[in-house]
C-alpha cells in the first residue's frame, strides 16, 4: 500500500451484515500493519433501514469518516442503496454491487457481505491469507467454511468478469 489513505464505504440495509463486513475489512487492513479507523451510521438498522460503515486505512489516518466525494471504493449490499450513497464515491472510485456476483456461486445468501469483500479484495493489496485470518477472527467457527467459500466466489467473480 502507498502512503495514501484508502477510503471504503460499505452500505446496505439492516441485517445484511454491513457492520460485520466492515469489521472484517478493518481487521484485514490492521493485520497488514496499517493504521485503521472505522465509523458506522445505523439509521433504522433494526427495521431494515439504511446502514453504512466507513473504513479508512493507510500509514496515518486522522478521521474515521470518509469525506463526501472521497470514497475510493463503495461496496453496496442492496442495490437500492447505490443512489443514496453515490455522493460519497469519488469520480474515479469503484462501485461494487451484488449483481457482480452470480447468486448461485454463494451457497448461503447470508454470506453475500463476505462475497462482496471478495470482490473488493481484488482491488486492494492485502494478501489472501490475511483476508482469511480476518474472516476467521470475526466470525464464529461454524461459519468459517461457508464464508471463506463466499469470499473466494467473490474474488473469482471479479476475475471472471475481466
N, C-alpha and C. Protein backbone atom coordinates (compact mmCIF):
# COMPACT_ATOMS: atom_id res chain seq x y z
N UNK A 1 0.84 -1.18 0.00
CA UNK A 1 0.00 0.00 0.00
C UNK A 1 0.89 1.25 0.00
N UNK A 2 0.41 2.28 -0.59
CA UNK A 2 1.18 3.52 -0.63
C UNK A 2 0.92 4.34 0.62
N UNK A 3 1.48 5.53 0.67
CA UNK A 3 1.32 6.40 1.84
C UNK A 3 -0.05 7.05 1.90
N UNK A 4 -0.86 6.87 0.90
CA UNK A 4 -2.18 7.50 0.89
C UNK A 4 -3.16 6.71 1.76
N UNK A 5 -4.26 7.36 2.07
CA UNK A 5 -5.33 6.71 2.83
C UNK A 5 -6.32 6.12 1.83
N UNK A 6 -6.71 4.88 2.08
CA UNK A 6 -7.74 4.23 1.27
C UNK A 6 -9.06 4.38 1.99
N UNK A 7 -10.07 4.87 1.27
CA UNK A 7 -11.39 5.13 1.83
C UNK A 7 -12.40 4.14 1.25
N UNK A 8 -13.06 3.40 2.13
CA UNK A 8 -14.07 2.42 1.70
C UNK A 8 -15.37 2.69 2.45
N UNK A 9 -16.47 2.74 1.71
CA UNK A 9 -17.80 2.83 2.31
C UNK A 9 -18.52 1.53 2.00
N UNK A 10 -19.07 0.90 3.04
CA UNK A 10 -19.89 -0.30 2.87
C UNK A 10 -21.30 0.10 3.27
N UNK A 11 -22.25 -0.10 2.36
CA UNK A 11 -23.62 0.35 2.61
C UNK A 11 -24.62 -0.76 2.29
N UNK A 12 -25.73 -0.73 2.99
CA UNK A 12 -26.79 -1.70 2.74
C UNK A 12 -27.95 -1.46 3.68
N UNK A 13 -28.65 -2.52 3.98
CA UNK A 13 -29.81 -2.44 4.86
C UNK A 13 -29.55 -3.24 6.13
N UNK A 14 -30.25 -2.89 7.19
CA UNK A 14 -30.11 -3.61 8.45
C UNK A 14 -30.30 -5.11 8.26
N UNK A 15 -29.41 -5.89 8.83
CA UNK A 15 -29.50 -7.33 8.72
C UNK A 15 -28.69 -7.94 7.59
N UNK A 16 -28.10 -7.10 6.73
CA UNK A 16 -27.31 -7.62 5.60
C UNK A 16 -25.85 -7.86 5.94
N UNK A 17 -25.43 -7.47 7.13
CA UNK A 17 -24.04 -7.72 7.50
C UNK A 17 -23.07 -6.60 7.14
N UNK A 18 -23.58 -5.39 6.99
CA UNK A 18 -22.73 -4.25 6.68
C UNK A 18 -21.65 -4.07 7.75
N UNK A 19 -22.07 -4.09 9.01
CA UNK A 19 -21.12 -3.85 10.10
C UNK A 19 -20.12 -4.99 10.22
N UNK A 20 -20.56 -6.23 10.02
CA UNK A 20 -19.65 -7.37 10.07
C UNK A 20 -18.63 -7.29 8.93
N UNK A 21 -19.08 -6.90 7.75
CA UNK A 21 -18.16 -6.75 6.61
C UNK A 21 -17.12 -5.67 6.91
N UNK A 22 -17.55 -4.57 7.53
CA UNK A 22 -16.59 -3.51 7.84
C UNK A 22 -15.62 -3.96 8.93
N UNK A 23 -16.08 -4.80 9.86
CA UNK A 23 -15.18 -5.35 10.88
C UNK A 23 -14.11 -6.23 10.22
N UNK A 24 -14.51 -7.05 9.27
CA UNK A 24 -13.56 -7.94 8.59
C UNK A 24 -12.56 -7.12 7.79
N UNK A 25 -13.04 -6.12 7.05
CA UNK A 25 -12.15 -5.26 6.27
C UNK A 25 -11.16 -4.54 7.17
N UNK A 26 -11.66 -3.95 8.26
CA UNK A 26 -10.79 -3.22 9.18
C UNK A 26 -9.75 -4.16 9.79
N UNK A 27 -10.15 -5.36 10.12
CA UNK A 27 -9.24 -6.36 10.69
C UNK A 27 -8.16 -6.74 9.69
N UNK A 28 -8.55 -6.95 8.43
CA UNK A 28 -7.58 -7.32 7.40
C UNK A 28 -6.56 -6.20 7.19
N UNK A 29 -7.03 -4.97 7.12
CA UNK A 29 -6.12 -3.83 6.93
C UNK A 29 -5.18 -3.70 8.13
N UNK A 30 -5.72 -3.86 9.33
CA UNK A 30 -4.92 -3.76 10.55
C UNK A 30 -3.84 -4.84 10.59
N UNK A 31 -4.19 -6.04 10.12
CA UNK A 31 -3.25 -7.16 10.12
C UNK A 31 -2.09 -6.93 9.15
N UNK A 32 -2.24 -6.00 8.22
CA UNK A 32 -1.13 -5.67 7.32
C UNK A 32 -0.22 -4.61 7.92
N UNK A 33 -0.58 -4.11 9.10
CA UNK A 33 0.24 -3.11 9.77
C UNK A 33 -0.19 -1.68 9.50
N UNK A 34 -1.34 -1.50 8.89
CA UNK A 34 -1.83 -0.15 8.59
C UNK A 34 -2.60 0.43 9.76
N UNK A 35 -2.66 1.75 9.79
CA UNK A 35 -3.50 2.47 10.73
C UNK A 35 -4.92 2.39 10.19
N UNK A 36 -5.88 2.05 11.04
CA UNK A 36 -7.26 1.85 10.59
C UNK A 36 -8.21 2.65 11.47
N UNK A 37 -9.18 3.31 10.84
CA UNK A 37 -10.26 3.99 11.56
C UNK A 37 -11.57 3.55 10.91
N UNK A 38 -12.61 3.42 11.74
CA UNK A 38 -13.90 2.94 11.27
C UNK A 38 -15.03 3.71 11.94
N UNK A 39 -16.08 3.99 11.18
CA UNK A 39 -17.27 4.61 11.77
C UNK A 39 -18.51 3.95 11.18
N UNK A 40 -19.62 4.12 11.88
CA UNK A 40 -20.86 3.47 11.46
C UNK A 40 -22.03 4.44 11.59
N UNK A 41 -22.96 4.31 10.65
CA UNK A 41 -24.22 5.04 10.72
C UNK A 41 -25.31 3.99 10.65
N UNK A 42 -26.06 3.83 11.74
CA UNK A 42 -27.04 2.75 11.81
C UNK A 42 -28.40 3.10 11.25
N UNK A 43 -28.82 4.33 11.31
CA UNK A 43 -30.16 4.66 10.84
C UNK A 43 -31.20 3.79 11.51
N UNK A 44 -32.12 3.28 10.76
CA UNK A 44 -33.15 2.39 11.28
C UNK A 44 -32.77 0.94 11.03
N UNK A 45 -31.52 0.61 11.33
CA UNK A 45 -30.99 -0.72 11.00
C UNK A 45 -31.79 -1.86 11.62
N UNK A 46 -32.37 -1.64 12.78
CA UNK A 46 -33.14 -2.70 13.42
C UNK A 46 -34.39 -3.05 12.61
N UNK A 47 -34.82 -2.15 11.76
CA UNK A 47 -36.03 -2.37 10.98
C UNK A 47 -35.73 -2.46 9.48
N UNK A 48 -34.52 -2.83 9.13
CA UNK A 48 -34.18 -2.98 7.72
C UNK A 48 -33.87 -1.67 7.03
N UNK A 49 -33.61 -0.61 7.80
CA UNK A 49 -33.28 0.68 7.21
C UNK A 49 -31.83 0.76 6.78
N UNK A 50 -31.43 1.92 6.29
CA UNK A 50 -30.09 2.12 5.77
C UNK A 50 -29.03 1.99 6.85
N UNK A 51 -27.94 1.34 6.48
CA UNK A 51 -26.77 1.19 7.34
C UNK A 51 -25.56 1.46 6.48
N UNK A 52 -24.61 2.23 6.99
CA UNK A 52 -23.36 2.47 6.27
C UNK A 52 -22.22 2.45 7.26
N UNK A 53 -21.08 1.99 6.79
CA UNK A 53 -19.88 1.98 7.61
C UNK A 53 -18.72 2.47 6.77
N UNK A 54 -17.94 3.38 7.32
CA UNK A 54 -16.75 3.90 6.66
C UNK A 54 -15.54 3.19 7.26
N UNK A 55 -14.64 2.74 6.39
CA UNK A 55 -13.37 2.15 6.84
C UNK A 55 -12.28 2.89 6.09
N UNK A 56 -11.35 3.46 6.86
CA UNK A 56 -10.23 4.20 6.27
C UNK A 56 -8.94 3.58 6.79
N UNK A 57 -7.99 3.36 5.90
CA UNK A 57 -6.72 2.77 6.33
C UNK A 57 -5.57 3.29 5.48
N UNK A 58 -4.40 3.35 6.13
CA UNK A 58 -3.19 3.84 5.49
C UNK A 58 -2.12 4.00 6.54
N UNK A 59 -1.04 4.67 6.20
CA UNK A 59 0.05 4.87 7.16
C UNK A 59 -0.38 5.75 8.32
N UNK A 60 -1.19 6.77 8.03
CA UNK A 60 -1.69 7.65 9.08
C UNK A 60 -3.09 8.10 8.71
N UNK A 61 -4.06 7.75 9.54
CA UNK A 61 -5.45 8.11 9.32
C UNK A 61 -5.89 8.98 10.49
N UNK A 62 -6.38 10.17 10.20
CA UNK A 62 -6.72 11.11 11.26
C UNK A 62 -8.19 11.07 11.65
N UNK A 63 -9.07 10.74 10.71
CA UNK A 63 -10.51 10.77 10.97
C UNK A 63 -11.15 9.46 10.51
N UNK A 64 -12.16 8.97 11.23
CA UNK A 64 -12.83 7.73 10.80
C UNK A 64 -13.85 7.93 9.68
N UNK A 65 -14.24 9.16 9.43
CA UNK A 65 -15.30 9.43 8.45
C UNK A 65 -14.71 9.67 7.07
N UNK A 66 -15.28 9.02 6.05
CA UNK A 66 -14.88 9.28 4.67
C UNK A 66 -15.54 10.59 4.24
N UNK A 67 -14.73 11.57 3.86
CA UNK A 67 -15.32 12.84 3.39
C UNK A 67 -16.17 12.61 2.14
N UNK A 68 -17.24 13.37 2.02
CA UNK A 68 -18.14 13.26 0.87
C UNK A 68 -17.33 13.41 -0.43
N UNK A 69 -17.57 12.49 -1.35
CA UNK A 69 -16.89 12.54 -2.64
C UNK A 69 -15.47 12.00 -2.63
N UNK A 70 -15.07 11.32 -1.55
CA UNK A 70 -13.69 10.84 -1.46
C UNK A 70 -13.56 9.33 -1.23
N UNK A 71 -14.64 8.58 -1.35
CA UNK A 71 -14.54 7.12 -1.20
C UNK A 71 -13.87 6.54 -2.44
N UNK A 72 -12.82 5.77 -2.21
CA UNK A 72 -12.14 5.09 -3.31
C UNK A 72 -12.96 3.89 -3.77
N UNK A 73 -13.65 3.28 -2.81
CA UNK A 73 -14.48 2.10 -3.08
C UNK A 73 -15.78 2.23 -2.32
N UNK A 74 -16.86 1.84 -2.98
CA UNK A 74 -18.16 1.78 -2.32
C UNK A 74 -18.73 0.40 -2.58
N UNK A 75 -18.89 -0.36 -1.50
CA UNK A 75 -19.45 -1.71 -1.56
C UNK A 75 -20.89 -1.60 -1.11
N UNK A 76 -21.82 -1.89 -2.01
CA UNK A 76 -23.24 -1.74 -1.71
C UNK A 76 -23.89 -3.12 -1.71
N UNK A 77 -24.47 -3.49 -0.58
CA UNK A 77 -25.09 -4.80 -0.43
C UNK A 77 -26.54 -4.84 -0.90
N UNK A 78 -27.17 -3.68 -1.02
CA UNK A 78 -28.55 -3.58 -1.51
C UNK A 78 -28.56 -2.55 -2.63
N UNK A 79 -28.98 -2.95 -3.81
CA UNK A 79 -28.89 -2.06 -4.96
C UNK A 79 -29.65 -0.75 -4.77
N UNK A 80 -30.70 -0.75 -3.95
CA UNK A 80 -31.44 0.50 -3.74
C UNK A 80 -30.65 1.50 -2.88
N UNK A 81 -29.50 1.08 -2.38
CA UNK A 81 -28.66 1.98 -1.59
C UNK A 81 -27.57 2.66 -2.43
N UNK A 82 -27.48 2.31 -3.71
CA UNK A 82 -26.46 2.92 -4.58
C UNK A 82 -26.66 4.42 -4.66
N UNK A 83 -27.84 4.86 -5.06
CA UNK A 83 -28.07 6.30 -5.24
C UNK A 83 -28.03 7.06 -3.92
N UNK A 84 -28.48 6.42 -2.85
CA UNK A 84 -28.47 7.04 -1.53
C UNK A 84 -27.04 7.42 -1.11
N UNK A 85 -26.08 6.59 -1.51
CA UNK A 85 -24.70 6.77 -1.06
C UNK A 85 -23.73 7.23 -2.15
N UNK A 86 -24.20 7.37 -3.39
CA UNK A 86 -23.32 7.68 -4.52
C UNK A 86 -22.48 8.94 -4.29
N UNK A 87 -23.00 9.91 -3.59
CA UNK A 87 -22.27 11.16 -3.36
C UNK A 87 -20.99 10.98 -2.56
N UNK A 88 -20.85 9.85 -1.90
CA UNK A 88 -19.63 9.58 -1.14
C UNK A 88 -18.49 9.11 -2.04
N UNK A 89 -18.82 8.55 -3.20
CA UNK A 89 -17.83 7.95 -4.09
C UNK A 89 -17.13 9.02 -4.92
N UNK A 90 -15.80 8.95 -4.96
CA UNK A 90 -15.06 9.90 -5.80
C UNK A 90 -15.32 9.59 -7.27
N UNK A 91 -15.06 10.55 -8.13
CA UNK A 91 -15.34 10.39 -9.55
C UNK A 91 -14.65 9.16 -10.13
N UNK A 92 -13.43 8.88 -9.70
CA UNK A 92 -12.67 7.74 -10.21
C UNK A 92 -12.84 6.50 -9.31
N UNK A 93 -13.78 6.56 -8.37
CA UNK A 93 -13.97 5.47 -7.42
C UNK A 93 -14.60 4.24 -8.05
N UNK A 94 -14.50 3.13 -7.34
CA UNK A 94 -15.02 1.85 -7.82
C UNK A 94 -16.28 1.49 -7.04
N UNK A 95 -17.36 1.26 -7.76
CA UNK A 95 -18.63 0.84 -7.17
C UNK A 95 -18.74 -0.67 -7.30
N UNK A 96 -18.98 -1.34 -6.18
CA UNK A 96 -19.11 -2.80 -6.16
C UNK A 96 -20.52 -3.12 -5.69
N UNK A 97 -21.28 -3.80 -6.57
CA UNK A 97 -22.70 -4.11 -6.32
C UNK A 97 -22.93 -5.62 -6.32
N UNK A 98 -24.02 -6.07 -5.71
CA UNK A 98 -24.31 -7.50 -5.64
C UNK A 98 -24.45 -8.17 -7.00
N UNK A 99 -24.84 -7.42 -8.03
CA UNK A 99 -25.03 -8.05 -9.34
C UNK A 99 -23.71 -8.46 -9.99
N UNK A 100 -22.59 -8.14 -9.35
CA UNK A 100 -21.29 -8.58 -9.86
C UNK A 100 -20.98 -10.02 -9.47
N UNK A 101 -21.83 -10.60 -8.63
CA UNK A 101 -21.63 -11.97 -8.18
C UNK A 101 -22.83 -12.81 -8.61
N UNK A 102 -22.56 -13.96 -9.20
CA UNK A 102 -23.60 -14.90 -9.56
C UNK A 102 -24.20 -15.44 -8.27
N UNK A 103 -25.48 -15.23 -8.06
CA UNK A 103 -26.10 -15.64 -6.79
C UNK A 103 -25.97 -17.14 -6.56
N UNK A 104 -25.81 -17.93 -7.61
CA UNK A 104 -25.63 -19.37 -7.46
C UNK A 104 -24.24 -19.74 -6.95
N UNK A 105 -23.29 -18.79 -7.03
CA UNK A 105 -21.93 -19.05 -6.57
C UNK A 105 -21.80 -18.94 -5.05
N UNK A 106 -22.82 -18.34 -4.42
CA UNK A 106 -22.80 -18.17 -2.96
C UNK A 106 -23.87 -19.09 -2.38
N UNK A 107 -23.44 -20.14 -1.68
CA UNK A 107 -24.38 -21.16 -1.20
C UNK A 107 -25.32 -20.65 -0.11
N UNK A 108 -24.89 -19.65 0.65
CA UNK A 108 -25.72 -19.09 1.72
C UNK A 108 -25.84 -17.58 1.51
N UNK A 109 -27.04 -17.09 1.24
CA UNK A 109 -27.26 -15.66 0.97
C UNK A 109 -26.80 -14.77 2.13
N UNK A 110 -26.74 -15.32 3.34
CA UNK A 110 -26.27 -14.55 4.48
C UNK A 110 -24.79 -14.23 4.37
N UNK A 111 -24.09 -14.89 3.45
CA UNK A 111 -22.66 -14.66 3.26
C UNK A 111 -22.38 -13.70 2.11
N UNK A 112 -23.42 -13.06 1.57
CA UNK A 112 -23.22 -12.11 0.47
C UNK A 112 -22.26 -11.00 0.87
N UNK A 113 -22.35 -10.53 2.11
CA UNK A 113 -21.46 -9.46 2.55
C UNK A 113 -20.00 -9.87 2.44
N UNK A 114 -19.69 -11.11 2.77
CA UNK A 114 -18.31 -11.60 2.70
C UNK A 114 -17.92 -11.83 1.23
N UNK A 115 -18.87 -12.28 0.42
CA UNK A 115 -18.60 -12.43 -1.02
C UNK A 115 -18.25 -11.08 -1.63
N UNK A 116 -18.95 -10.03 -1.19
CA UNK A 116 -18.67 -8.68 -1.71
C UNK A 116 -17.27 -8.22 -1.29
N UNK A 117 -16.83 -8.63 -0.11
CA UNK A 117 -15.45 -8.34 0.29
C UNK A 117 -14.47 -9.07 -0.62
N UNK A 118 -14.86 -10.24 -1.10
CA UNK A 118 -14.03 -10.97 -2.06
C UNK A 118 -13.84 -10.16 -3.34
N UNK A 119 -14.90 -9.53 -3.82
CA UNK A 119 -14.80 -8.66 -4.99
C UNK A 119 -13.86 -7.49 -4.68
N UNK A 120 -14.08 -6.85 -3.53
CA UNK A 120 -13.24 -5.72 -3.12
C UNK A 120 -11.77 -6.13 -3.00
N UNK A 121 -11.52 -7.34 -2.53
CA UNK A 121 -10.14 -7.78 -2.28
C UNK A 121 -9.27 -7.75 -3.52
N UNK A 122 -9.88 -7.89 -4.69
CA UNK A 122 -9.12 -7.84 -5.94
C UNK A 122 -8.59 -6.44 -6.25
N UNK A 123 -9.09 -5.45 -5.53
CA UNK A 123 -8.66 -4.06 -5.75
C UNK A 123 -7.67 -3.58 -4.68
N UNK A 124 -7.45 -4.39 -3.66
CA UNK A 124 -6.61 -3.98 -2.53
C UNK A 124 -5.36 -4.85 -2.44
N UNK A 125 -4.31 -4.28 -1.91
CA UNK A 125 -3.05 -5.01 -1.74
C UNK A 125 -2.99 -5.67 -0.37
N UNK A 126 -3.95 -6.56 -0.14
CA UNK A 126 -4.00 -7.34 1.09
C UNK A 126 -4.00 -8.80 0.66
N UNK A 127 -3.03 -9.56 1.13
CA UNK A 127 -2.86 -10.95 0.70
C UNK A 127 -4.00 -11.84 1.19
N UNK A 128 -4.28 -12.89 0.42
CA UNK A 128 -5.36 -13.82 0.74
C UNK A 128 -5.28 -14.40 2.15
N UNK A 129 -4.11 -14.86 2.63
CA UNK A 129 -4.07 -15.41 3.99
C UNK A 129 -4.49 -14.37 5.06
N UNK A 130 -4.22 -13.12 4.82
CA UNK A 130 -4.62 -12.07 5.78
C UNK A 130 -6.14 -11.94 5.78
N UNK A 131 -6.74 -11.94 4.59
CA UNK A 131 -8.21 -11.88 4.50
C UNK A 131 -8.84 -13.07 5.23
N UNK A 132 -8.31 -14.26 4.96
CA UNK A 132 -8.89 -15.46 5.57
C UNK A 132 -8.76 -15.42 7.09
N UNK A 133 -7.63 -14.92 7.59
CA UNK A 133 -7.46 -14.77 9.03
C UNK A 133 -8.45 -13.78 9.62
N UNK A 134 -8.71 -12.69 8.90
CA UNK A 134 -9.67 -11.68 9.37
C UNK A 134 -11.09 -12.25 9.39
N UNK A 135 -11.43 -13.05 8.38
CA UNK A 135 -12.76 -13.68 8.34
C UNK A 135 -12.92 -14.60 9.55
N UNK A 136 -11.91 -15.44 9.78
CA UNK A 136 -11.98 -16.38 10.91
C UNK A 136 -12.03 -15.66 12.25
N UNK A 137 -11.32 -14.54 12.36
CA UNK A 137 -11.27 -13.81 13.63
C UNK A 137 -12.59 -13.10 13.95
N UNK A 138 -13.39 -12.83 12.92
CA UNK A 138 -14.61 -12.04 13.11
C UNK A 138 -15.90 -12.84 13.01
N UNK A 139 -15.79 -14.12 12.74
CA UNK A 139 -16.99 -14.95 12.61
C UNK A 139 -16.84 -16.20 13.48
N UNK A 140 -17.97 -16.76 13.94
CA UNK A 140 -17.88 -17.99 14.72
C UNK A 140 -17.36 -19.14 13.85
N UNK A 141 -16.72 -20.09 14.49
CA UNK A 141 -16.09 -21.20 13.76
C UNK A 141 -17.06 -21.92 12.83
N UNK A 142 -18.31 -22.09 13.26
CA UNK A 142 -19.28 -22.80 12.43
C UNK A 142 -19.57 -22.08 11.11
N UNK A 143 -19.24 -20.80 11.03
CA UNK A 143 -19.49 -20.02 9.81
C UNK A 143 -18.24 -19.85 8.93
N UNK A 144 -17.12 -20.37 9.37
CA UNK A 144 -15.86 -20.18 8.62
C UNK A 144 -15.93 -20.73 7.20
N UNK A 145 -16.26 -22.00 7.05
CA UNK A 145 -16.21 -22.63 5.73
C UNK A 145 -17.13 -21.94 4.73
N UNK A 146 -18.37 -21.68 5.14
CA UNK A 146 -19.34 -21.05 4.25
C UNK A 146 -18.87 -19.66 3.83
N UNK A 147 -18.32 -18.90 4.76
CA UNK A 147 -17.90 -17.54 4.44
C UNK A 147 -16.60 -17.50 3.65
N UNK A 148 -15.70 -18.41 3.90
CA UNK A 148 -14.48 -18.47 3.08
C UNK A 148 -14.84 -18.87 1.65
N UNK A 149 -15.77 -19.79 1.51
CA UNK A 149 -16.27 -20.17 0.18
C UNK A 149 -16.88 -18.95 -0.52
N UNK A 150 -17.69 -18.18 0.20
CA UNK A 150 -18.33 -16.98 -0.37
C UNK A 150 -17.27 -15.94 -0.76
N UNK A 151 -16.27 -15.73 0.11
CA UNK A 151 -15.20 -14.78 -0.18
C UNK A 151 -14.49 -15.17 -1.47
N UNK A 152 -14.14 -16.43 -1.60
CA UNK A 152 -13.44 -16.90 -2.80
C UNK A 152 -14.33 -16.79 -4.04
N UNK A 153 -15.64 -17.00 -3.88
CA UNK A 153 -16.57 -16.83 -5.01
C UNK A 153 -16.57 -15.38 -5.47
N UNK A 154 -16.53 -14.44 -4.52
CA UNK A 154 -16.45 -13.03 -4.87
C UNK A 154 -15.16 -12.69 -5.58
N UNK A 155 -14.05 -13.20 -5.10
CA UNK A 155 -12.74 -12.98 -5.76
C UNK A 155 -12.76 -13.51 -7.18
N UNK A 156 -13.32 -14.71 -7.35
CA UNK A 156 -13.34 -15.33 -8.66
C UNK A 156 -14.35 -14.67 -9.60
N UNK A 157 -15.44 -14.16 -9.08
CA UNK A 157 -16.44 -13.49 -9.92
C UNK A 157 -15.82 -12.29 -10.59
N UNK A 158 -14.99 -11.57 -9.87
CA UNK A 158 -14.35 -10.39 -10.43
C UNK A 158 -13.34 -10.79 -11.49
N UNK A 159 -12.60 -11.83 -11.22
CA UNK A 159 -11.61 -12.29 -12.20
C UNK A 159 -12.30 -12.75 -13.48
N UNK A 160 -13.44 -13.45 -13.32
CA UNK A 160 -14.16 -13.95 -14.49
C UNK A 160 -14.69 -12.80 -15.35
N UNK A 161 -15.03 -11.68 -14.71
CA UNK A 161 -15.61 -10.54 -15.42
C UNK A 161 -14.57 -9.75 -16.20
N UNK A 162 -13.32 -9.92 -15.88
CA UNK A 162 -12.27 -9.11 -16.54
C UNK A 162 -12.01 -9.55 -17.94
